[in-house]
N, C-alpha and C. Protein backbone atom coordinates (compact mmCIF):
# COMPACT_ATOMS: atom_id res chain seq x y z
N MET A 1 -27.75 157.76 2.41
CA MET A 1 -28.53 156.61 2.02
C MET A 1 -28.76 156.63 0.51
N ARG A 2 -28.56 155.51 -0.15
CA ARG A 2 -28.78 155.41 -1.60
C ARG A 2 -30.19 154.91 -1.87
N SER A 3 -30.72 155.17 -3.05
CA SER A 3 -32.08 154.75 -3.37
C SER A 3 -32.06 153.74 -4.51
N LEU A 4 -33.20 153.08 -4.72
CA LEU A 4 -33.35 152.16 -5.84
C LEU A 4 -33.48 152.98 -7.11
N PHE A 5 -32.89 152.51 -8.17
CA PHE A 5 -32.96 153.26 -9.42
C PHE A 5 -32.66 152.34 -10.59
N SER A 6 -32.99 152.83 -11.77
CA SER A 6 -32.58 152.14 -12.99
C SER A 6 -31.86 153.18 -13.84
N TYR A 7 -30.89 152.76 -14.55
CA TYR A 7 -30.12 153.68 -15.37
C TYR A 7 -29.71 152.98 -16.66
N VAL A 8 -29.23 153.77 -17.60
CA VAL A 8 -28.90 153.24 -18.92
C VAL A 8 -27.39 153.32 -19.13
N THR A 9 -26.82 152.20 -19.59
CA THR A 9 -25.40 152.18 -19.93
C THR A 9 -25.24 151.52 -21.28
N GLY A 10 -24.65 152.21 -22.19
CA GLY A 10 -24.37 151.63 -23.50
C GLY A 10 -25.62 151.14 -24.22
N GLY A 11 -26.74 151.83 -24.03
CA GLY A 11 -27.98 151.44 -24.71
C GLY A 11 -28.73 150.32 -24.01
N ILE A 12 -28.22 149.82 -22.87
CA ILE A 12 -28.88 148.73 -22.16
C ILE A 12 -29.43 149.28 -20.85
N THR A 13 -30.71 149.07 -20.59
CA THR A 13 -31.30 149.54 -19.34
C THR A 13 -31.12 148.45 -18.29
N ILE A 14 -30.51 148.81 -17.18
CA ILE A 14 -30.29 147.89 -16.08
C ILE A 14 -31.14 148.34 -14.90
N ASN A 15 -31.89 147.44 -14.33
CA ASN A 15 -32.73 147.78 -13.19
C ASN A 15 -32.13 147.16 -11.94
N ASN A 16 -31.70 147.97 -11.00
CA ASN A 16 -31.09 147.47 -9.78
C ASN A 16 -32.13 147.47 -8.67
N ASP A 17 -32.53 146.30 -8.25
CA ASP A 17 -33.52 146.17 -7.20
C ASP A 17 -32.87 145.67 -5.92
N TYR A 18 -31.67 146.12 -5.63
CA TYR A 18 -30.97 145.69 -4.44
C TYR A 18 -31.16 146.71 -3.33
N PHE A 19 -31.48 146.21 -2.15
CA PHE A 19 -31.55 147.07 -0.98
C PHE A 19 -30.15 147.15 -0.40
N ILE A 20 -29.73 148.36 -0.03
CA ILE A 20 -28.39 148.53 0.52
C ILE A 20 -28.45 149.31 1.83
N ASN A 21 -27.51 149.01 2.70
CA ASN A 21 -27.33 149.69 3.99
C ASN A 21 -28.64 149.90 4.75
N GLU A 22 -29.06 151.15 4.98
CA GLU A 22 -30.21 151.45 5.81
C GLU A 22 -31.55 151.06 5.18
N GLN A 23 -31.55 150.72 3.90
CA GLN A 23 -32.79 150.29 3.24
C GLN A 23 -33.21 148.90 3.68
N ILE A 24 -32.31 148.13 4.24
CA ILE A 24 -32.62 146.77 4.67
C ILE A 24 -33.42 146.85 5.97
N ARG A 25 -34.65 146.32 5.95
CA ARG A 25 -35.58 146.45 7.08
C ARG A 25 -35.82 145.14 7.82
N ASP A 26 -35.09 144.08 7.50
CA ASP A 26 -35.29 142.80 8.17
C ASP A 26 -34.66 142.82 9.56
N ARG A 27 -35.17 141.93 10.44
CA ARG A 27 -34.60 141.83 11.79
C ARG A 27 -33.26 141.12 11.75
N GLU A 28 -33.24 139.95 11.09
CA GLU A 28 -32.01 139.16 11.01
C GLU A 28 -31.68 138.87 9.56
N VAL A 29 -30.40 138.82 9.28
CA VAL A 29 -29.93 138.49 7.93
C VAL A 29 -28.74 137.55 8.02
N ARG A 30 -28.57 136.75 6.98
CA ARG A 30 -27.36 135.91 6.87
C ARG A 30 -26.33 136.76 6.14
N VAL A 31 -25.15 136.87 6.69
CA VAL A 31 -24.15 137.79 6.15
C VAL A 31 -22.98 137.02 5.54
N ILE A 32 -22.58 137.47 4.36
CA ILE A 32 -21.39 136.94 3.68
C ILE A 32 -20.37 138.07 3.68
N GLY A 33 -19.16 137.77 4.10
CA GLY A 33 -18.11 138.77 4.21
C GLY A 33 -17.59 139.23 2.87
N ALA A 34 -16.68 140.21 2.92
CA ALA A 34 -16.12 140.81 1.71
C ALA A 34 -15.32 139.80 0.88
N ASP A 35 -14.67 138.83 1.55
CA ASP A 35 -13.88 137.84 0.80
C ASP A 35 -14.61 136.51 0.65
N GLY A 36 -15.95 136.51 0.84
CA GLY A 36 -16.76 135.34 0.54
C GLY A 36 -17.02 134.39 1.71
N GLU A 37 -16.46 134.65 2.88
CA GLU A 37 -16.69 133.73 4.00
C GLU A 37 -18.03 134.03 4.67
N GLN A 38 -18.63 132.99 5.23
CA GLN A 38 -19.91 133.11 5.92
C GLN A 38 -19.67 133.71 7.30
N LEU A 39 -20.34 134.82 7.59
CA LEU A 39 -20.23 135.42 8.91
C LEU A 39 -21.38 134.98 9.82
N GLY A 40 -22.38 134.31 9.24
CA GLY A 40 -23.49 133.78 10.01
C GLY A 40 -24.70 134.68 10.02
N VAL A 41 -25.69 134.29 10.84
CA VAL A 41 -26.93 135.05 10.97
C VAL A 41 -26.75 136.07 12.09
N MET A 42 -27.08 137.32 11.77
CA MET A 42 -26.95 138.39 12.78
C MET A 42 -27.99 139.46 12.51
N SER A 43 -28.12 140.37 13.47
CA SER A 43 -29.08 141.47 13.28
C SER A 43 -28.53 142.43 12.23
N VAL A 44 -29.42 143.23 11.66
CA VAL A 44 -29.03 144.17 10.62
C VAL A 44 -28.05 145.20 11.18
N SER A 45 -28.26 145.64 12.41
CA SER A 45 -27.37 146.64 12.98
C SER A 45 -25.94 146.10 13.13
N GLU A 46 -25.82 144.82 13.54
CA GLU A 46 -24.48 144.21 13.63
C GLU A 46 -23.84 144.09 12.24
N ALA A 47 -24.65 143.72 11.26
CA ALA A 47 -24.15 143.57 9.89
C ALA A 47 -23.70 144.93 9.34
N LEU A 48 -24.46 145.98 9.62
CA LEU A 48 -24.08 147.33 9.18
C LEU A 48 -22.78 147.78 9.82
N LYS A 49 -22.60 147.45 11.10
CA LYS A 49 -21.34 147.78 11.78
C LYS A 49 -20.17 147.07 11.13
N ALA A 50 -20.37 145.79 10.81
CA ALA A 50 -19.30 145.02 10.16
C ALA A 50 -18.97 145.62 8.80
N ALA A 51 -19.99 146.08 8.06
CA ALA A 51 -19.77 146.70 6.75
C ALA A 51 -19.04 148.03 6.90
N GLU A 52 -19.41 148.81 7.91
CA GLU A 52 -18.75 150.10 8.14
C GLU A 52 -17.29 149.91 8.52
N GLU A 53 -17.01 148.89 9.34
CA GLU A 53 -15.63 148.62 9.74
C GLU A 53 -14.77 148.26 8.52
N ALA A 54 -15.38 147.56 7.56
CA ALA A 54 -14.65 147.20 6.34
C ALA A 54 -14.69 148.33 5.31
N GLU A 55 -15.39 149.43 5.62
CA GLU A 55 -15.58 150.57 4.72
C GLU A 55 -16.22 150.16 3.41
N LEU A 56 -17.22 149.26 3.52
CA LEU A 56 -17.97 148.78 2.36
C LEU A 56 -19.46 148.90 2.63
N ASP A 57 -20.28 148.45 1.67
CA ASP A 57 -21.73 148.52 1.80
C ASP A 57 -22.30 147.14 2.11
N LEU A 58 -23.46 147.13 2.75
CA LEU A 58 -24.22 145.90 3.00
C LEU A 58 -25.31 145.84 1.94
N VAL A 59 -25.28 144.80 1.09
CA VAL A 59 -26.22 144.67 -0.03
C VAL A 59 -27.03 143.40 0.14
N LYS A 60 -28.36 143.53 0.07
CA LYS A 60 -29.24 142.35 0.17
C LYS A 60 -29.28 141.69 -1.21
N ILE A 61 -28.67 140.49 -1.32
CA ILE A 61 -28.57 139.83 -2.63
C ILE A 61 -29.61 138.74 -2.82
N ALA A 62 -30.15 138.19 -1.73
CA ALA A 62 -31.19 137.16 -1.85
C ALA A 62 -32.33 137.49 -0.88
N PRO A 63 -33.26 138.35 -1.30
CA PRO A 63 -34.32 138.80 -0.39
C PRO A 63 -35.34 137.72 -0.04
N ASN A 64 -35.48 136.69 -0.89
CA ASN A 64 -36.51 135.67 -0.65
C ASN A 64 -36.03 134.53 0.22
N ALA A 65 -34.75 134.48 0.54
CA ALA A 65 -34.22 133.42 1.39
C ALA A 65 -34.71 133.62 2.81
N ASN A 66 -34.59 132.58 3.62
CA ASN A 66 -35.02 132.70 5.01
C ASN A 66 -33.87 132.33 5.92
N PRO A 67 -33.20 133.20 6.61
CA PRO A 67 -33.32 134.66 6.56
C PRO A 67 -32.68 135.21 5.28
N PRO A 68 -33.01 136.47 4.91
CA PRO A 68 -32.44 137.08 3.69
C PRO A 68 -30.91 137.10 3.75
N VAL A 69 -30.29 136.97 2.58
CA VAL A 69 -28.83 136.94 2.51
C VAL A 69 -28.31 138.32 2.10
N CYS A 70 -27.36 138.82 2.87
CA CYS A 70 -26.73 140.10 2.57
C CYS A 70 -25.23 139.86 2.39
N LYS A 71 -24.62 140.71 1.59
CA LYS A 71 -23.19 140.58 1.33
C LYS A 71 -22.51 141.91 1.58
N ILE A 72 -21.33 141.86 2.15
CA ILE A 72 -20.55 143.07 2.37
C ILE A 72 -19.66 143.27 1.16
N VAL A 73 -19.99 144.29 0.35
CA VAL A 73 -19.26 144.56 -0.90
C VAL A 73 -19.20 146.05 -1.14
N ASP A 74 -18.33 146.44 -2.09
CA ASP A 74 -18.33 147.81 -2.59
C ASP A 74 -19.48 147.88 -3.60
N TYR A 75 -20.51 148.67 -3.32
CA TYR A 75 -21.72 148.67 -4.13
C TYR A 75 -21.44 149.07 -5.58
N GLY A 76 -20.58 150.04 -5.80
CA GLY A 76 -20.24 150.46 -7.16
C GLY A 76 -19.62 149.33 -7.97
N LYS A 77 -18.71 148.60 -7.35
CA LYS A 77 -18.06 147.48 -8.02
C LYS A 77 -19.06 146.35 -8.27
N PHE A 78 -19.93 146.09 -7.29
CA PHE A 78 -20.96 145.06 -7.39
C PHE A 78 -21.90 145.37 -8.55
N LYS A 79 -22.32 146.63 -8.65
CA LYS A 79 -23.22 147.08 -9.71
C LYS A 79 -22.55 146.90 -11.08
N TYR A 80 -21.27 147.25 -11.18
CA TYR A 80 -20.51 147.12 -12.41
C TYR A 80 -20.44 145.66 -12.85
N GLU A 81 -20.18 144.76 -11.90
CA GLU A 81 -20.10 143.33 -12.23
C GLU A 81 -21.44 142.79 -12.71
N GLN A 82 -22.54 143.27 -12.12
CA GLN A 82 -23.86 142.83 -12.55
C GLN A 82 -24.12 143.26 -14.00
N ILE A 83 -23.73 144.48 -14.35
CA ILE A 83 -23.90 144.97 -15.71
C ILE A 83 -23.09 144.13 -16.68
N ARG A 84 -21.85 143.82 -16.32
CA ARG A 84 -20.99 142.99 -17.17
C ARG A 84 -21.60 141.61 -17.39
N LYS A 85 -22.14 141.01 -16.33
CA LYS A 85 -22.75 139.68 -16.45
C LYS A 85 -23.94 139.71 -17.40
N GLU A 86 -24.76 140.76 -17.29
CA GLU A 86 -25.93 140.86 -18.16
C GLU A 86 -25.52 141.07 -19.61
N LYS A 87 -24.48 141.88 -19.85
CA LYS A 87 -24.00 142.10 -21.21
C LYS A 87 -23.45 140.80 -21.81
N ASP A 88 -22.67 140.05 -21.00
CA ASP A 88 -22.12 138.78 -21.48
C ASP A 88 -23.23 137.79 -21.79
N ALA A 89 -24.26 137.76 -20.96
CA ALA A 89 -25.38 136.86 -21.19
C ALA A 89 -26.09 137.21 -22.49
N ARG A 90 -26.24 138.53 -22.77
CA ARG A 90 -26.87 138.95 -24.02
C ARG A 90 -26.04 138.56 -25.23
N LYS A 91 -24.71 138.67 -25.12
CA LYS A 91 -23.85 138.31 -26.24
C LYS A 91 -23.94 136.84 -26.57
N LYS A 92 -24.06 136.00 -25.55
CA LYS A 92 -24.05 134.56 -25.75
C LYS A 92 -25.38 134.00 -26.22
N GLN A 93 -26.49 134.72 -25.97
CA GLN A 93 -27.77 134.17 -26.36
C GLN A 93 -28.00 134.37 -27.85
N LYS A 94 -28.62 133.37 -28.47
CA LYS A 94 -28.90 133.43 -29.90
C LYS A 94 -30.37 133.78 -30.08
N ILE A 95 -30.63 134.84 -30.80
CA ILE A 95 -32.00 135.27 -31.03
C ILE A 95 -32.52 134.56 -32.28
N VAL A 96 -33.56 133.76 -32.11
CA VAL A 96 -34.15 133.03 -33.22
C VAL A 96 -35.36 133.81 -33.71
N GLU A 97 -35.29 134.19 -34.95
CA GLU A 97 -36.40 134.93 -35.55
C GLU A 97 -37.35 133.95 -36.21
N ILE A 98 -38.61 134.36 -36.30
CA ILE A 98 -39.59 133.56 -37.02
C ILE A 98 -39.91 134.31 -38.30
N LYS A 99 -39.55 133.72 -39.42
CA LYS A 99 -39.84 134.30 -40.73
C LYS A 99 -41.15 133.72 -41.23
N GLU A 100 -41.96 134.56 -41.84
CA GLU A 100 -43.27 134.10 -42.30
C GLU A 100 -43.32 134.05 -43.81
N ILE A 101 -43.90 132.97 -44.32
CA ILE A 101 -44.13 132.82 -45.76
C ILE A 101 -45.64 132.67 -45.94
N ARG A 102 -46.23 133.56 -46.74
CA ARG A 102 -47.68 133.55 -46.95
C ARG A 102 -48.01 133.01 -48.33
N MET A 103 -49.07 132.21 -48.37
CA MET A 103 -49.52 131.64 -49.65
C MET A 103 -51.05 131.61 -49.65
N THR A 104 -51.60 131.33 -50.84
CA THR A 104 -53.04 131.08 -50.96
C THR A 104 -53.21 129.64 -51.41
N PRO A 105 -54.40 129.06 -51.24
CA PRO A 105 -54.58 127.65 -51.61
C PRO A 105 -54.44 127.36 -53.10
N ASN A 106 -54.64 128.36 -53.95
CA ASN A 106 -54.53 128.11 -55.40
C ASN A 106 -53.16 128.56 -55.92
N ILE A 107 -52.09 128.24 -55.19
CA ILE A 107 -50.74 128.63 -55.57
C ILE A 107 -50.24 127.72 -56.69
N ASP A 108 -49.52 128.29 -57.64
CA ASP A 108 -48.98 127.53 -58.76
C ASP A 108 -47.73 126.78 -58.31
N ARG A 109 -47.36 125.73 -59.01
CA ARG A 109 -46.22 124.88 -58.64
C ARG A 109 -44.91 125.69 -58.60
N ASN A 110 -44.66 126.53 -59.59
CA ASN A 110 -43.41 127.31 -59.63
C ASN A 110 -43.36 128.32 -58.48
N ASP A 111 -44.51 128.95 -58.17
CA ASP A 111 -44.55 129.87 -57.03
C ASP A 111 -44.27 129.14 -55.73
N LEU A 112 -44.79 127.93 -55.63
CA LEU A 112 -44.56 127.11 -54.43
C LEU A 112 -43.07 126.77 -54.30
N ASN A 113 -42.43 126.45 -55.42
CA ASN A 113 -40.99 126.15 -55.40
C ASN A 113 -40.17 127.37 -54.97
N THR A 114 -40.58 128.56 -55.43
CA THR A 114 -39.91 129.80 -55.03
C THR A 114 -40.04 130.00 -53.53
N LYS A 115 -41.23 129.79 -52.99
CA LYS A 115 -41.46 129.92 -51.55
C LYS A 115 -40.62 128.90 -50.78
N MET A 116 -40.50 127.69 -51.32
CA MET A 116 -39.69 126.65 -50.65
C MET A 116 -38.22 127.03 -50.61
N SER A 117 -37.70 127.61 -51.70
CA SER A 117 -36.29 127.99 -51.71
C SER A 117 -36.05 129.14 -50.72
N ALA A 118 -37.01 130.05 -50.58
CA ALA A 118 -36.88 131.12 -49.59
C ALA A 118 -36.88 130.51 -48.18
N ALA A 119 -37.74 129.54 -47.95
CA ALA A 119 -37.80 128.88 -46.65
C ALA A 119 -36.48 128.16 -46.35
N ARG A 120 -35.89 127.53 -47.36
CA ARG A 120 -34.59 126.86 -47.19
C ARG A 120 -33.52 127.85 -46.73
N LYS A 121 -33.51 129.03 -47.34
CA LYS A 121 -32.53 130.05 -46.96
C LYS A 121 -32.73 130.49 -45.51
N PHE A 122 -33.99 130.71 -45.13
CA PHE A 122 -34.28 131.12 -43.75
C PHE A 122 -33.84 130.04 -42.76
N LEU A 123 -34.13 128.79 -43.09
CA LEU A 123 -33.77 127.68 -42.20
C LEU A 123 -32.25 127.52 -42.11
N ALA A 124 -31.55 127.76 -43.22
CA ALA A 124 -30.09 127.64 -43.23
C ALA A 124 -29.45 128.70 -42.32
N LYS A 125 -30.11 129.85 -42.18
CA LYS A 125 -29.60 130.91 -41.30
C LYS A 125 -29.96 130.65 -39.83
N GLY A 126 -30.71 129.58 -39.55
CA GLY A 126 -31.06 129.24 -38.19
C GLY A 126 -32.39 129.80 -37.72
N ASN A 127 -33.16 130.39 -38.62
CA ASN A 127 -34.46 130.95 -38.24
C ASN A 127 -35.55 129.89 -38.34
N ARG A 128 -36.65 130.13 -37.64
CA ARG A 128 -37.83 129.29 -37.79
C ARG A 128 -38.66 129.88 -38.93
N VAL A 129 -39.46 129.03 -39.57
CA VAL A 129 -40.29 129.49 -40.68
C VAL A 129 -41.74 129.16 -40.37
N LYS A 130 -42.58 130.20 -40.42
CA LYS A 130 -44.02 130.02 -40.22
C LYS A 130 -44.66 130.14 -41.60
N VAL A 131 -45.24 129.05 -42.06
CA VAL A 131 -45.88 129.02 -43.38
C VAL A 131 -47.37 129.22 -43.16
N THR A 132 -47.89 130.27 -43.79
CA THR A 132 -49.30 130.64 -43.60
C THR A 132 -50.05 130.49 -44.90
N LEU A 133 -51.16 129.76 -44.83
CA LEU A 133 -52.05 129.58 -45.98
C LEU A 133 -53.27 130.45 -45.69
N ARG A 134 -53.48 131.48 -46.51
CA ARG A 134 -54.58 132.43 -46.28
C ARG A 134 -55.77 132.10 -47.17
N PHE A 135 -56.96 132.12 -46.60
CA PHE A 135 -58.18 131.78 -47.33
C PHE A 135 -59.06 133.02 -47.44
N ARG A 136 -59.67 133.17 -48.64
CA ARG A 136 -60.56 134.30 -48.88
C ARG A 136 -61.84 133.79 -49.52
N GLY A 137 -62.94 134.41 -49.18
CA GLY A 137 -64.22 134.12 -49.83
C GLY A 137 -64.60 132.66 -49.85
N ARG A 138 -64.81 132.13 -51.07
CA ARG A 138 -65.26 130.75 -51.24
C ARG A 138 -64.20 129.73 -50.85
N GLU A 139 -62.95 130.16 -50.77
CA GLU A 139 -61.87 129.24 -50.38
C GLU A 139 -62.08 128.72 -48.96
N MET A 140 -62.84 129.46 -48.15
CA MET A 140 -63.09 129.06 -46.77
C MET A 140 -63.84 127.72 -46.69
N ALA A 141 -64.66 127.43 -47.71
CA ALA A 141 -65.44 126.19 -47.70
C ALA A 141 -64.54 124.96 -47.84
N ARG A 142 -63.36 125.12 -48.42
CA ARG A 142 -62.47 123.99 -48.68
C ARG A 142 -61.17 124.07 -47.86
N MET A 143 -61.26 124.61 -46.66
CA MET A 143 -60.06 124.78 -45.82
C MET A 143 -59.36 123.45 -45.55
N ASN A 144 -60.11 122.46 -45.10
CA ASN A 144 -59.50 121.17 -44.74
C ASN A 144 -58.93 120.44 -45.95
N ASP A 145 -59.50 120.68 -47.15
CA ASP A 145 -58.99 120.04 -48.36
C ASP A 145 -57.65 120.63 -48.78
N SER A 146 -57.32 121.84 -48.30
CA SER A 146 -56.07 122.51 -48.67
C SER A 146 -54.93 122.20 -47.71
N ARG A 147 -55.19 121.39 -46.72
CA ARG A 147 -54.15 121.06 -45.73
C ARG A 147 -52.96 120.36 -46.39
N TYR A 148 -53.21 119.64 -47.48
CA TYR A 148 -52.14 118.90 -48.16
C TYR A 148 -51.03 119.84 -48.65
N ILE A 149 -51.36 121.11 -48.91
CA ILE A 149 -50.34 122.06 -49.39
C ILE A 149 -49.28 122.26 -48.31
N LEU A 150 -49.72 122.46 -47.07
CA LEU A 150 -48.76 122.63 -45.97
C LEU A 150 -48.01 121.32 -45.70
N ASP A 151 -48.72 120.20 -45.77
CA ASP A 151 -48.06 118.90 -45.55
C ASP A 151 -46.99 118.65 -46.62
N ASP A 152 -47.31 118.96 -47.87
CA ASP A 152 -46.34 118.79 -48.97
C ASP A 152 -45.16 119.73 -48.80
N PHE A 153 -45.44 120.96 -48.34
CA PHE A 153 -44.38 121.95 -48.11
C PHE A 153 -43.40 121.42 -47.06
N ALA A 154 -43.94 120.89 -45.96
CA ALA A 154 -43.09 120.34 -44.90
C ALA A 154 -42.34 119.10 -45.38
N GLU A 155 -43.00 118.28 -46.18
CA GLU A 155 -42.36 117.06 -46.70
C GLU A 155 -41.21 117.40 -47.65
N ALA A 156 -41.40 118.44 -48.47
CA ALA A 156 -40.35 118.84 -49.42
C ALA A 156 -39.13 119.40 -48.70
N LEU A 157 -39.33 119.99 -47.51
CA LEU A 157 -38.22 120.55 -46.74
C LEU A 157 -37.76 119.61 -45.62
N SER A 158 -38.20 118.36 -45.64
CA SER A 158 -37.89 117.43 -44.56
C SER A 158 -36.39 117.12 -44.44
N ASP A 159 -35.62 117.36 -45.51
CA ASP A 159 -34.17 117.12 -45.42
C ASP A 159 -33.46 118.19 -44.60
N VAL A 160 -34.04 119.40 -44.47
CA VAL A 160 -33.41 120.48 -43.69
C VAL A 160 -34.25 120.97 -42.52
N ALA A 161 -35.53 120.53 -42.44
CA ALA A 161 -36.43 121.06 -41.42
C ALA A 161 -37.28 119.97 -40.78
N VAL A 162 -37.70 120.26 -39.57
CA VAL A 162 -38.67 119.41 -38.88
C VAL A 162 -39.88 120.26 -38.54
N VAL A 163 -41.03 119.62 -38.41
CA VAL A 163 -42.26 120.34 -38.07
C VAL A 163 -42.21 120.69 -36.59
N ASP A 164 -42.19 121.99 -36.30
CA ASP A 164 -42.15 122.47 -34.93
C ASP A 164 -43.55 122.54 -34.35
N LYS A 165 -44.49 123.06 -35.12
CA LYS A 165 -45.90 123.10 -34.73
C LYS A 165 -46.72 122.58 -35.90
N ALA A 166 -47.55 121.61 -35.62
CA ALA A 166 -48.38 120.97 -36.66
C ALA A 166 -49.35 121.98 -37.27
N PRO A 167 -49.88 121.67 -38.47
CA PRO A 167 -50.84 122.58 -39.10
C PRO A 167 -52.04 122.85 -38.19
N LYS A 168 -52.40 124.13 -38.12
CA LYS A 168 -53.47 124.54 -37.22
C LYS A 168 -54.27 125.65 -37.89
N ILE A 169 -55.58 125.59 -37.73
CA ILE A 169 -56.46 126.60 -38.33
C ILE A 169 -56.72 127.69 -37.30
N GLU A 170 -56.47 128.94 -37.70
CA GLU A 170 -56.72 130.10 -36.86
C GLU A 170 -57.50 131.12 -37.68
N GLY A 171 -58.80 131.13 -37.53
CA GLY A 171 -59.63 132.07 -38.29
C GLY A 171 -59.60 131.78 -39.77
N ARG A 172 -59.10 132.73 -40.56
CA ARG A 172 -59.05 132.56 -42.02
C ARG A 172 -57.70 132.03 -42.50
N THR A 173 -56.87 131.59 -41.57
CA THR A 173 -55.54 131.11 -41.97
C THR A 173 -55.28 129.72 -41.40
N MET A 174 -54.39 129.02 -42.06
CA MET A 174 -53.89 127.74 -41.58
C MET A 174 -52.37 127.87 -41.55
N THR A 175 -51.76 127.55 -40.39
CA THR A 175 -50.32 127.76 -40.25
C THR A 175 -49.62 126.49 -39.83
N ILE A 176 -48.34 126.42 -40.21
CA ILE A 176 -47.45 125.36 -39.76
C ILE A 176 -46.10 126.04 -39.49
N THR A 177 -45.41 125.60 -38.45
CA THR A 177 -44.11 126.18 -38.14
C THR A 177 -43.03 125.12 -38.32
N LEU A 178 -41.98 125.49 -39.03
CA LEU A 178 -40.85 124.59 -39.29
C LEU A 178 -39.61 125.12 -38.60
N ALA A 179 -38.80 124.20 -38.08
CA ALA A 179 -37.55 124.57 -37.42
C ALA A 179 -36.40 123.83 -38.09
N GLU A 180 -35.21 124.37 -37.96
CA GLU A 180 -34.03 123.76 -38.55
C GLU A 180 -33.78 122.38 -37.93
N LYS A 181 -33.43 121.42 -38.79
CA LYS A 181 -33.13 120.08 -38.32
C LYS A 181 -31.76 120.09 -37.66
N LYS A 182 -31.66 119.51 -36.47
CA LYS A 182 -30.38 119.50 -35.74
C LYS A 182 -29.53 118.33 -36.16
């Protein structure tokens, strides 16, 4: 009898939560044969016999279905295919990073232009940009009056970016998130 386990392959941790052979405790299961044909609903003991006759394993692939779905497969090969699918899915997904640009309300025009050019570079690479306006001391009294800085920042980048999240006050900071224009 095999047990549930997780193992590491090529730096990727794969967790196999499949019940196989004697681990399946349901009364009845829907069985799919080795070549993909439906064998119908049968008891677990009948399904195990069918798997033994084919010299393969019975693997529960859909535990939440009613009745649960089991497949007659070579478990080692099945496990390998699952790992390949997960690796391919990871390769195809694009990870979007959020880059942060911090400023204060009394920022000079040239410093603001430098921050805008950095934001343009981040957006060109496909990243999101979180622009944070940090307030200290007496600056807290004029938080709402400084909102125009974030609005102007977004307006200046409107040719390459759209506002993903509107300006919002969180404690001592005011943030806006910009995303690449599609």
